[in-house]
Amino acid sequence: MKTTLIIGLAAGLLTLASCSSKNNEQAQNKEEVPTVKTMTVEKKTIERKLTYSATIMALEENHLAPATAGRVDKILVDVGDVVSRGQVVVMLDRTNYNQAKIQYEKLTLDFMRMDSLLKAGGVSKQQYEQLKMQLDVAKNNLDFLDENTTLRSPINGVVTGKYLNDGEMFAMSPAPGIGKPAIVSIMNLSSVKLLVAVPESYLPNLRKGMDCSVYAEIYPDKKFTGKIQKIYPIVDDKNGYRRNCCSKCSANITSWNVCKSRAIFW
């Protein structure tokens, strides 16, 4: 009797323990069920930005120099002066020009006489044509000397460099800082362009006309805008980067050529 009672109690305890274990597992499984939220699938454009440092350059830049060496007679402008297109900025020695002008005027008178004689039958057609050729050569030489002894600004802008003084010789040697012969430098700073070096791997993502945002250190809270105007066809051998030109940025800051900036392509 006692044995039967003990066995019955043990079996009852085992049954209760088994039921309790199953209930705990079921409760745990219910707690671990994740909550899932569903959404409708739709197409969206993912915006990607590329940020790089850029070199700011003038939109237009000219370094004025004559085609031949000579003495500078007078420089009519100084650094910081505003000039307009066609304005005379440098006068060089005009001794050769004056001699060429006298020769041209003499040939002009001779040609007028020759023309009268040809009509009267006093000279041959060949003599007439030879003199006309000499007159044309003298005229071309006079125009060349006039252009290279009177330097005019080809753009509207500001004088940013002056490399000689009145009376000094222009020897066709490179001017300091620009690496090419020049007497004065003129830049149009009403708008600027940026030269940006971009890794070649990003080339397929760039297109002419893409928008870019520009931030300068001197104006950290101001945003300037521009567009990609030119993508260089070759890669820089030094760093494997391809140059891109973001131009026509809306700015009117004459000091930008000495500050750093960042260009962001969209």
Protein backbone atom coordinates (compact mmCIF):
# COMPACT_ATOMS: atom_id res chain seq x y z
CA MET A 1 0.00 0.00 0.00
CA LYS A 2 2.75 2.39 0.89
CA THR A 3 4.71 1.47 -2.20
CA THR A 4 1.74 2.14 -4.45
CA LEU A 5 1.14 5.51 -2.82
CA ILE A 6 4.76 6.66 -3.26
CA ILE A 7 4.82 5.60 -6.90
CA GLY A 8 1.54 7.39 -7.50
CA LEU A 9 2.85 10.60 -5.94
CA ALA A 10 6.06 10.46 -8.01
CA ALA A 11 4.11 9.97 -11.24
CA GLY A 12 1.86 12.89 -10.34
CA LEU A 13 4.85 15.15 -9.71
CA LEU A 14 6.44 14.17 -13.04
CA THR A 15 3.21 14.91 -14.87
CA LEU A 16 2.89 18.31 -13.23
CA ALA A 17 6.52 19.20 -13.99
CA SER A 18 6.12 18.21 -17.64
CA CYS A 19 2.96 20.31 -18.05
CA SER A 20 4.62 23.30 -16.38
CA SER A 21 7.65 23.05 -18.72
CA LYS A 22 5.42 22.95 -21.80
CA ASN A 23 3.46 25.97 -20.62
CA ASN A 24 6.71 27.96 -20.06
CA GLU A 25 7.98 27.11 -23.57
CA GLN A 26 4.70 28.17 -25.17
CA ALA A 27 4.73 31.47 -23.25
CA GLN A 28 8.34 32.12 -24.30
CA ASN A 29 7.56 31.39 -27.95
CA LYS A 30 4.68 33.84 -27.85
CA GLU A 31 6.94 36.61 -26.47
CA GLU A 32 9.58 36.19 -29.24
CA VAL A 33 7.20 36.74 -32.16
CA PRO A 34 8.47 39.98 -33.94
CA THR A 35 6.18 42.78 -35.03
CA VAL A 36 6.36 43.31 -38.81
CA LYS A 37 5.29 46.51 -40.60
CA THR A 38 4.52 46.38 -44.30
CA MET A 39 4.87 49.20 -46.86
CA THR A 40 4.00 49.61 -50.52
CA VAL A 41 7.03 49.26 -52.83
CA GLU A 42 7.73 52.45 -54.84
CA LYS A 43 10.59 53.99 -56.83
CA LYS A 44 12.62 56.82 -55.29
CA THR A 45 15.70 58.77 -56.40
CA ILE A 46 18.68 58.34 -54.08
CA GLU A 47 20.68 61.54 -53.86
CA ARG A 48 24.47 61.17 -53.93
CA LYS A 49 26.89 63.97 -53.15
CA LEU A 50 30.59 64.22 -54.01
CA THR A 51 32.59 66.81 -52.06
CA TYR A 52 36.06 67.97 -53.20
CA SER A 53 38.41 70.89 -52.76
CA ALA A 54 38.58 73.25 -55.72
CA THR A 55 40.91 75.86 -57.20
CA ILE A 56 39.11 79.15 -57.88
CA MET A 57 40.07 80.91 -61.10
CA ALA A 58 38.91 84.00 -62.97
CA LEU A 59 36.28 83.37 -65.62
CA GLU A 60 38.45 85.31 -68.12
CA GLU A 61 42.17 85.97 -67.78
CA ASN A 62 44.59 87.72 -70.15
CA HIS A 63 48.33 88.38 -69.87
CA LEU A 64 49.15 91.20 -72.27
CA ALA A 65 52.46 91.25 -74.12
CA PRO A 66 53.67 92.35 -77.57
CA ALA A 67 54.84 89.83 -80.16
CA THR A 68 58.40 91.18 -80.11
CA ALA A 69 60.79 92.59 -77.52
CA GLY A 70 60.94 96.35 -77.05
CA ARG A 71 61.10 99.26 -74.65
CA VAL A 72 58.03 100.10 -72.58
CA ASP A 73 57.12 103.74 -73.17
CA LYS A 74 54.26 104.09 -70.68
CA ILE A 75 51.97 101.80 -68.66
CA LEU A 76 48.64 103.59 -68.30
CA VAL A 77 47.12 101.40 -65.56
CA ASP A 78 48.06 100.03 -62.15
CA VAL A 79 47.10 96.98 -60.10
CA GLY A 80 43.49 97.23 -58.97
CA ASP A 81 42.34 99.53 -61.78
CA VAL A 82 39.10 98.60 -63.54
CA VAL A 83 39.46 98.53 -67.34
CA SER A 84 37.03 98.08 -70.21
CA ARG A 85 37.31 96.14 -73.45
CA GLY A 86 39.40 98.04 -76.02
CA GLN A 87 40.97 100.43 -73.49
CA VAL A 88 44.66 101.25 -74.12
CA VAL A 89 46.70 99.98 -71.16
CA VAL A 90 50.32 99.95 -72.41
CA MET A 91 52.26 102.07 -74.91
CA LEU A 92 55.58 100.75 -76.21
CA ASP A 93 58.34 102.53 -78.09
CA ARG A 94 56.94 103.57 -81.50
CA THR A 95 60.15 104.39 -83.36
CA ASN A 96 59.76 101.47 -85.76
CA TYR A 97 56.06 102.23 -86.10
CA ASN A 98 56.74 105.84 -87.07
CA GLN A 99 59.30 104.75 -89.69
CA ALA A 100 56.85 102.21 -91.11
CA LYS A 101 54.15 104.86 -91.22
CA ILE A 102 56.35 107.23 -93.24
CA GLN A 103 57.19 104.40 -95.66
CA TYR A 104 53.51 103.52 -96.05
CA GLU A 105 52.49 107.11 -96.72
CA LYS A 106 55.23 107.43 -99.39
CA LEU A 107 54.11 104.22 -101.12
CA THR A 108 50.51 105.44 -101.01
CA LEU A 109 51.43 108.60 -102.92
CA ASP A 110 53.53 106.60 -105.41
CA PHE A 111 50.63 104.24 -105.98
CA MET A 112 48.24 107.11 -106.66
CA ARG A 113 50.66 108.47 -109.29
CA MET A 114 51.11 104.99 -110.75
CA ASP A 115 47.35 104.59 -111.03
CA SER A 116 47.10 107.82 -113.05
CA LEU A 117 49.97 106.76 -115.32
CA LEU A 118 48.41 103.34 -115.89
CA LYS A 119 45.17 104.94 -117.04
CA ALA A 120 47.16 107.17 -119.43
CA GLY A 121 49.17 104.21 -120.68
CA GLY A 122 52.44 105.53 -119.27
CA VAL A 123 53.35 102.37 -117.26
CA SER A 124 52.84 98.66 -117.68
CA LYS A 125 50.38 96.55 -115.77
CA GLN A 126 53.28 94.65 -114.23
CA GLN A 127 54.83 97.79 -112.72
CA TYR A 128 51.45 98.75 -111.30
CA GLU A 129 50.94 95.37 -109.64
CA GLN A 130 54.45 95.32 -108.17
CA LEU A 131 53.88 98.69 -106.49
CA LYS A 132 50.47 97.61 -105.23
CA MET A 133 52.08 94.54 -103.64
CA GLN A 134 54.66 96.72 -101.88
CA LEU A 135 51.86 98.94 -100.59
CA ASP A 136 49.95 95.94 -99.19
CA VAL A 137 53.08 94.64 -97.43
CA ALA A 138 53.75 98.09 -95.94
CA LYS A 139 50.14 98.31 -94.72
CA ASN A 140 50.33 94.89 -93.02
CA ASN A 141 53.64 95.82 -91.36
CA LEU A 142 52.17 99.11 -90.12
CA ASP A 143 49.12 97.37 -88.64
CA PHE A 144 51.35 94.78 -86.95
CA LEU A 145 53.54 97.45 -85.35
CA ASP A 146 50.49 99.45 -84.27
CA GLU A 147 48.97 96.39 -82.59
CA ASN A 148 52.19 95.48 -80.81
CA THR A 149 53.09 98.98 -79.62
CA THR A 150 49.60 99.85 -78.36
CA LEU A 151 48.25 97.11 -76.08
CA ARG A 152 44.51 97.21 -75.47
CA SER A 153 42.48 95.22 -72.96
CA PRO A 154 40.56 92.42 -74.72
CA ILE A 155 38.09 92.06 -71.83
CA ASN A 156 36.26 94.01 -69.14
CA GLY A 157 38.02 93.35 -65.86
CA VAL A 158 40.52 94.36 -63.21
CA VAL A 159 44.30 94.71 -63.49
CA THR A 160 45.76 91.98 -61.27
CA GLY A 161 49.44 92.16 -62.22
CA LYS A 162 51.99 94.73 -63.38
CA TYR A 163 55.46 93.37 -64.11
CA LEU A 164 57.41 96.30 -65.63
CA ASN A 165 57.74 100.05 -65.19
CA ASP A 166 57.91 102.93 -67.66
CA GLY A 167 61.15 102.93 -69.64
CA GLU A 168 62.10 99.30 -68.95
CA MET A 169 62.81 96.72 -71.64
CA PHE A 170 60.38 93.95 -72.36
CA ALA A 171 62.60 90.95 -73.17
CA MET A 172 59.97 88.21 -73.80
CA SER A 173 61.00 86.47 -70.55
CA PRO A 174 58.31 84.86 -68.32
CA ALA A 175 56.78 87.16 -65.72
CA PRO A 176 57.04 86.10 -62.05
CA GLY A 177 54.18 83.94 -60.86
CA ILE A 178 52.49 83.27 -64.21
CA GLY A 179 55.20 81.49 -66.21
CA LYS A 180 54.66 83.40 -69.47
CA PRO A 181 55.77 86.75 -70.93
CA ALA A 182 53.52 89.63 -69.87
CA ILE A 183 53.58 93.32 -69.04
CA VAL A 184 50.21 93.41 -67.26
CA SER A 185 47.55 90.84 -66.34
CA ILE A 186 43.80 91.48 -66.49
CA MET A 187 41.09 89.25 -65.03
CA ASN A 188 37.31 89.27 -65.22
CA LEU A 189 36.21 88.51 -61.64
CA SER A 190 32.52 89.29 -62.03
CA SER A 191 32.09 85.51 -62.14
CA VAL A 192 34.58 82.77 -61.33
CA LYS A 193 35.24 79.19 -62.37
CA LEU A 194 36.48 76.30 -60.23
CA LEU A 195 38.92 73.58 -61.25
CA VAL A 196 38.05 70.36 -59.41
CA ALA A 197 40.11 67.14 -59.41
CA VAL A 198 37.78 64.13 -59.27
CA PRO A 199 38.82 60.43 -59.23
CA GLU A 200 38.32 58.79 -62.60
CA SER A 201 36.05 56.15 -61.04
CA TYR A 202 33.37 58.83 -60.61
CA LEU A 203 33.55 59.99 -64.23
CA PRO A 204 30.43 58.04 -65.35
CA ASN A 205 28.41 59.93 -62.70
CA LEU A 206 29.37 63.39 -63.97
CA ARG A 207 27.64 65.22 -66.81
CA LYS A 208 27.93 68.68 -68.29
CA GLY A 209 25.24 70.94 -66.90
CA MET A 210 25.04 69.18 -63.50
CA ASP A 211 24.49 71.52 -60.55
CA CYS A 212 27.19 72.08 -57.97
CA SER A 213 27.25 74.00 -54.69
CA VAL A 214 30.31 75.95 -53.58
CA TYR A 215 31.34 76.94 -50.05
CA ALA A 216 34.28 79.27 -49.31
CA GLU A 217 36.25 79.50 -46.07
CA ILE A 218 35.82 83.27 -45.91
CA TYR A 219 32.03 82.87 -46.22
CA PRO A 220 31.32 79.60 -44.36
CA ASP A 221 27.57 80.25 -44.03
CA LYS A 222 26.99 81.31 -47.64
CA LYS A 223 26.19 78.92 -50.47
CA PHE A 224 27.14 79.68 -54.07
CA THR A 225 25.80 77.75 -57.04
CA GLY A 226 27.21 76.75 -60.41
CA LYS A 227 27.12 74.13 -63.15
CA ILE A 228 29.67 71.73 -64.64
CA GLN A 229 30.74 73.36 -67.90
CA LYS A 230 33.70 71.26 -68.98
CA ILE A 231 35.08 67.78 -68.28
CA TYR A 232 38.72 67.35 -69.28
CA PRO A 233 39.30 64.39 -71.63
CA ILE A 234 42.60 63.33 -70.05
CA VAL A 235 43.64 62.08 -66.62
CA ASP A 236 46.27 63.80 -64.49
CA ASP A 237 49.25 61.43 -64.51
CA LYS A 238 50.36 62.55 -61.04
CA ASN A 239 47.31 61.43 -59.09
CA GLY A 240 45.00 59.65 -61.53
CA TYR A 241 42.36 62.36 -61.15
CA ARG A 242 40.33 63.90 -63.94
CA ARG A 243 39.78 67.63 -63.96
CA ASN A 244 36.34 69.16 -64.14
CA CYS A 245 35.38 72.77 -64.52
CA CYS A 246 32.45 74.11 -62.53
CA SER A 247 31.90 77.61 -63.85
CA LYS A 248 29.65 80.64 -63.77
CA CYS A 249 29.31 80.48 -59.98
CA SER A 250 27.17 83.39 -58.84
CA ALA A 251 29.67 85.43 -56.89
CA ASN A 252 31.19 88.88 -57.01
CA ILE A 253 34.19 88.48 -54.73
CA THR A 254 37.52 89.78 -56.02
CA SER A 255 39.49 88.04 -53.23
CA TRP A 256 38.37 84.52 -54.14
CA ASN A 257 41.58 83.81 -56.03
CA VAL A 258 43.46 83.51 -52.71
CA CYS A 259 41.02 81.45 -50.65
CA LYS A 260 40.13 77.78 -50.48
CA SER A 261 36.76 76.37 -51.40
CA ARG A 262 34.79 73.13 -51.68
CA ALA A 263 32.69 72.08 -54.65
CA ILE A 264 29.79 69.68 -54.13
CA PHE A 265 28.37 67.89 -57.16
CA TRP A 266 24.76 66.76 -57.10
